[in-house]
Amino acid sequence: MSETPSLNDEHLQPIDDAQLFPQARSLHPLRILLLYGSLRTRSFSRLMTEEAGRVLAHLGAEAKTFDPSGLPLPDDTDAQHPKVQELRDLVTWSECMVWCSPERHGAMTGIMKAQIDWIPLSLGAVRPTQGKTLAVMQVCGGSQSFNAINQPRILGRWMRCLTIPNQSSVPKVFQQFDSDDRMKPSPYYNRMVDVIEELLKFTLLTRDSSAYLVDRYSERMKSAEALTRRVSEQALGSGQCKSC
């Protein structure tokens, strides 16, 4: 039962405790990017991210919020558009993210999806979202639903993020904010704080070992095969030149 003829032992490495639990720890404040999914003047998804940002600041993190106003539709222009570059720079800068969308027609909004679609799986040799932690939240105009957080969970997995278990869905969100656009004390506010607290804990646990956590056997195999092909092609090219 222990025979594994299909395994390449050179690339199947034992778990490295030193990389999984590094002694040298990052000391800078956690860098968090918040995205929201509505352009309304009184956008409750924006107000939710602002409340989350205040909690993050209170806990010593550095939070930045991206304003999606002016972001073009995916593929309607190239990636050199200033708003696309701003979004991608923020994603690269961040160590974790919060995505908060309203629910529209039983789904996350197109504005939210457009932001995620502009984030590539890779930028050259860098994978800007891989191994980063993610928290998902949604606001509802009516009764509580989870459609707009179930979909980002799928997207987060596709983007190779570490999506935390906790989440926040706020029903009848217009009742949860006062005239100063501040969220009222309630179990929904407490749940949002729960999500932010959990996000910080998971990020602190993983940010110094995130590259190792997502280091994959299959990709090590693929990289080795690609290197072997390049060396073979170079050797063949050199041989052809010598025979000319």
Protein backbone atom coordinates (compact mmCIF):
# COMPACT_ATOMS: atom_id res chain seq x y z
CA MET A 1 0.00 0.00 0.00
CA SER A 2 2.96 2.37 0.51
CA GLU A 3 4.25 2.06 -3.07
CA THR A 4 3.82 5.25 -5.11
CA PRO A 5 5.32 4.64 -8.55
CA SER A 6 3.68 7.75 -10.02
CA LEU A 7 5.32 10.11 -7.53
CA ASN A 8 8.48 12.00 -8.33
CA ASP A 9 10.34 11.94 -5.01
CA GLU A 10 12.63 14.75 -6.12
CA HIS A 11 9.68 17.15 -6.12
CA LEU A 12 7.60 15.68 -3.30
CA GLN A 13 9.19 17.43 -0.37
CA PRO A 14 8.67 16.74 3.34
CA ILE A 15 6.87 19.45 5.26
CA ASP A 16 9.37 22.14 6.23
CA ASP A 17 8.54 23.41 9.72
CA ALA A 18 10.99 26.29 9.34
CA GLN A 19 9.03 27.67 6.38
CA LEU A 20 5.65 26.85 7.87
CA PHE A 21 6.49 28.48 11.20
CA PRO A 22 9.20 31.08 10.42
CA GLN A 23 10.93 32.61 13.41
CA ALA A 24 11.41 35.94 11.66
CA ARG A 25 8.03 37.67 11.65
CA SER A 26 6.89 40.76 9.77
CA LEU A 27 6.38 43.70 12.13
CA HIS A 28 4.73 46.26 9.86
CA PRO A 29 0.97 46.93 10.19
CA LEU A 30 -1.22 44.58 8.20
CA ARG A 31 -2.12 45.99 4.78
CA ILE A 32 -5.78 45.50 3.88
CA LEU A 33 -7.62 46.43 0.68
CA LEU A 34 -11.39 46.90 0.83
CA LEU A 35 -13.61 46.62 -2.26
CA TYR A 36 -17.29 47.49 -2.43
CA GLY A 37 -19.88 46.95 -5.14
CA SER A 38 -22.15 49.97 -5.60
CA LEU A 39 -21.83 53.47 -7.07
CA ARG A 40 -24.93 54.89 -5.42
CA THR A 41 -24.46 58.22 -3.60
CA ARG A 42 -25.46 56.50 -0.37
CA SER A 43 -23.89 53.13 -1.05
CA PHE A 44 -24.42 50.81 1.89
CA SER A 45 -21.69 48.43 0.73
CA ARG A 46 -19.32 51.41 0.82
CA LEU A 47 -20.59 52.41 4.26
CA MET A 48 -20.01 48.84 5.47
CA THR A 49 -16.43 48.90 4.21
CA GLU A 50 -15.90 52.25 5.89
CA GLU A 51 -17.10 50.80 9.20
CA ALA A 52 -14.81 47.82 8.67
CA GLY A 53 -11.95 50.21 7.89
CA ARG A 54 -12.49 52.00 11.20
CA VAL A 55 -12.31 48.70 13.07
CA LEU A 56 -9.14 47.79 11.16
CA ALA A 57 -7.54 51.12 12.03
CA HIS A 58 -8.55 50.68 15.67
CA LEU A 59 -6.75 47.32 15.65
CA GLY A 60 -3.60 48.86 14.18
CA ALA A 61 -3.97 47.79 10.55
CA GLU A 62 -3.47 49.97 7.47
CA ALA A 63 -6.62 49.88 5.36
CA LYS A 64 -7.19 51.33 1.90
CA THR A 65 -10.49 51.39 0.00
CA PHE A 66 -10.72 51.35 -3.78
CA ASP A 67 -13.33 53.62 -5.35
CA PRO A 68 -14.75 51.73 -8.38
CA SER A 69 -16.21 54.89 -9.95
CA GLY A 70 -14.66 55.29 -13.40
CA LEU A 71 -13.39 51.72 -13.63
CA PRO A 72 -14.11 50.51 -17.19
CA LEU A 73 -15.79 47.24 -17.98
CA PRO A 74 -13.36 44.33 -18.37
CA ASP A 75 -11.94 44.17 -21.92
CA ASP A 76 -13.51 47.54 -22.85
CA THR A 77 -10.01 49.01 -22.70
CA ASP A 78 -6.52 47.75 -21.94
CA ALA A 79 -4.91 47.30 -18.54
CA GLN A 80 -3.03 50.62 -18.84
CA HIS A 81 -6.21 52.51 -17.89
CA PRO A 82 -5.44 54.58 -14.74
CA LYS A 83 -8.25 53.03 -12.68
CA VAL A 84 -7.16 49.51 -13.62
CA GLN A 85 -3.58 50.32 -12.67
CA GLU A 86 -4.75 51.84 -9.37
CA LEU A 87 -6.72 48.69 -8.54
CA ARG A 88 -3.89 46.35 -9.47
CA ASP A 89 -1.34 48.38 -7.51
CA LEU A 90 -3.57 48.21 -4.43
CA VAL A 91 -4.04 44.46 -4.78
CA THR A 92 -0.27 43.98 -5.08
CA TRP A 93 0.30 46.23 -2.04
CA SER A 94 -2.25 44.42 0.13
CA GLU A 95 -1.74 41.36 2.31
CA CYS A 96 -5.46 40.63 2.64
CA MET A 97 -8.75 41.88 1.25
CA VAL A 98 -12.36 42.53 2.21
CA TRP A 99 -15.01 42.25 -0.52
CA CYS A 100 -18.44 43.69 0.25
CA SER A 101 -21.24 43.59 -2.33
CA PRO A 102 -24.92 44.42 -2.36
CA GLU A 103 -27.20 41.68 -3.61
CA ARG A 104 -28.87 42.57 -6.91
CA HIS A 105 -31.21 40.16 -8.71
CA GLY A 106 -30.05 37.39 -6.38
CA ALA A 107 -26.36 37.88 -7.10
CA MET A 108 -23.33 40.05 -6.49
CA THR A 109 -23.33 43.26 -8.54
CA GLY A 110 -21.62 43.70 -11.88
CA ILE A 111 -19.58 46.51 -10.33
CA MET A 112 -18.16 44.07 -7.79
CA LYS A 113 -17.49 41.40 -10.41
CA ALA A 114 -15.82 43.91 -12.75
CA GLN A 115 -13.28 44.79 -10.06
CA ILE A 116 -12.44 41.15 -9.48
CA ASP A 117 -12.26 40.47 -13.23
CA TRP A 118 -9.66 43.21 -13.64
CA ILE A 119 -7.42 41.47 -11.07
CA PRO A 120 -5.26 38.98 -13.00
CA LEU A 121 -4.15 35.61 -11.71
CA SER A 122 -0.60 36.63 -12.60
CA LEU A 123 1.33 39.81 -13.33
CA GLY A 124 4.52 38.57 -14.94
CA ALA A 125 6.07 36.25 -12.38
CA VAL A 126 3.88 37.60 -9.56
CA ARG A 127 0.50 36.16 -8.58
CA PRO A 128 -1.06 39.16 -6.84
CA THR A 129 -3.81 37.32 -4.95
CA GLN A 130 -2.28 33.91 -4.29
CA GLY A 131 -1.97 33.07 -0.61
CA LYS A 132 -3.62 36.30 0.57
CA THR A 133 -6.46 36.13 3.04
CA LEU A 134 -9.95 37.26 2.09
CA ALA A 135 -13.13 38.15 3.98
CA VAL A 136 -16.51 38.42 2.26
CA MET A 137 -19.53 40.48 3.30
CA GLN A 138 -22.82 41.52 1.73
CA VAL A 139 -25.62 44.00 2.34
CA CYS A 140 -29.26 43.26 1.54
CA GLY A 141 -32.07 45.67 0.78
CA GLY A 142 -34.62 43.16 2.04
CA SER A 143 -34.50 39.88 3.93
CA GLN A 144 -31.19 38.22 4.70
CA SER A 145 -29.55 36.24 1.93
CA PHE A 146 -26.14 34.76 1.27
CA ASN A 147 -26.03 34.75 -2.55
CA ALA A 148 -23.67 37.70 -2.77
CA ILE A 149 -21.15 36.09 -0.43
CA ASN A 150 -21.39 32.54 -1.75
CA GLN A 151 -20.28 33.75 -5.19
CA PRO A 152 -17.22 35.68 -3.95
CA ARG A 153 -16.19 32.59 -2.01
CA ILE A 154 -15.99 30.72 -5.30
CA LEU A 155 -14.10 33.62 -6.87
CA GLY A 156 -11.75 33.81 -3.91
CA ARG A 157 -10.88 30.15 -4.31
CA TRP A 158 -10.37 30.67 -8.05
CA MET A 159 -8.05 33.61 -7.28
CA ARG A 160 -6.12 31.30 -4.89
CA CYS A 161 -7.01 33.34 -1.82
CA LEU A 162 -7.38 31.93 1.68
CA THR A 163 -11.00 32.87 2.39
CA ILE A 164 -11.74 32.92 6.10
CA PRO A 165 -14.67 30.86 7.49
CA ASN A 166 -16.64 33.76 8.98
CA GLN A 167 -18.80 36.11 6.91
CA SER A 168 -21.32 38.93 7.30
CA SER A 169 -24.72 39.43 5.66
CA VAL A 170 -26.80 42.43 6.76
CA PRO A 171 -30.56 42.40 5.96
CA LYS A 172 -32.60 45.59 5.53
CA VAL A 173 -29.33 47.43 5.65
CA PHE A 174 -30.99 50.85 5.37
CA GLN A 175 -32.25 50.31 8.93
CA GLN A 176 -28.74 49.67 10.25
CA PHE A 177 -27.25 53.12 9.54
CA ASP A 178 -28.10 56.41 11.21
CA SER A 179 -28.44 59.85 9.63
CA ASP A 180 -24.67 60.34 9.94
CA ASP A 181 -24.07 57.17 7.88
CA ARG A 182 -22.66 55.33 10.87
CA MET A 183 -23.66 51.76 11.59
CA LYS A 184 -25.87 51.41 14.64
CA PRO A 185 -24.95 49.04 17.50
CA SER A 186 -26.56 45.68 16.75
CA PRO A 187 -25.78 41.97 16.36
CA TYR A 188 -25.03 42.74 12.68
CA TYR A 189 -22.40 45.28 13.67
CA ASN A 190 -20.93 42.76 16.10
CA ARG A 191 -20.80 40.14 13.35
CA MET A 192 -18.91 42.54 11.08
CA VAL A 193 -16.39 43.09 13.88
CA ASP A 194 -16.12 39.30 14.26
CA VAL A 195 -15.25 39.00 10.57
CA ILE A 196 -12.58 41.71 10.72
CA GLU A 197 -11.04 40.28 13.88
CA GLU A 198 -10.90 36.81 12.34
CA LEU A 199 -9.40 38.17 9.11
CA LEU A 200 -6.56 39.81 11.03
CA LYS A 201 -5.85 36.64 13.01
CA PHE A 202 -5.70 34.46 9.89
CA THR A 203 -3.53 37.02 8.09
CA LEU A 204 -1.07 37.25 10.96
CA LEU A 205 -0.88 33.45 11.03
CA THR A 206 -0.22 33.09 7.32
CA ARG A 207 1.39 36.20 5.82
CA ASP A 208 4.98 35.13 6.54
CA SER A 209 4.41 31.60 5.24
CA SER A 210 1.85 32.27 2.48
CA ALA A 211 4.30 31.55 -0.34
CA TYR A 212 5.12 28.19 1.23
CA LEU A 213 1.48 27.35 1.92
CA VAL A 214 0.64 27.59 -1.78
CA ASP A 215 3.85 25.96 -3.06
CA ARG A 216 2.51 23.00 -5.05
CA TYR A 217 3.96 19.65 -6.08
CA SER A 218 2.31 19.87 -9.52
CA GLU A 219 3.82 23.29 -10.18
CA ARG A 220 7.27 22.17 -9.06
CA MET A 221 6.96 19.31 -11.53
CA LYS A 222 5.83 21.66 -14.29
CA SER A 223 8.67 24.11 -13.62
CA ALA A 224 11.24 21.31 -13.69
CA GLU A 225 9.86 20.00 -16.98
CA ALA A 226 9.95 23.47 -18.51
CA LEU A 227 13.55 23.95 -17.37
CA THR A 228 14.54 20.59 -18.86
CA ARG A 229 12.97 21.58 -22.19
CA ARG A 230 14.81 24.92 -22.24
CA VAL A 231 18.16 23.30 -21.46
CA SER A 232 17.56 20.68 -24.17
CA GLU A 233 16.63 23.34 -26.73
CA GLN A 234 19.70 25.39 -25.86
CA ALA A 235 21.93 22.33 -26.14
CA LEU A 236 20.36 21.43 -29.49
CA GLY A 237 20.83 24.99 -30.73
CA SER A 238 24.47 24.99 -29.69
CA GLY A 239 25.01 21.67 -31.46
CA GLN A 240 23.47 22.97 -34.66
CA CYS A 241 25.71 26.02 -34.64
CA LYS A 242 28.82 23.86 -34.21
CA SER A 243 27.86 21.69 -37.17
CA CYS A 244 27.28 24.69 -39.50
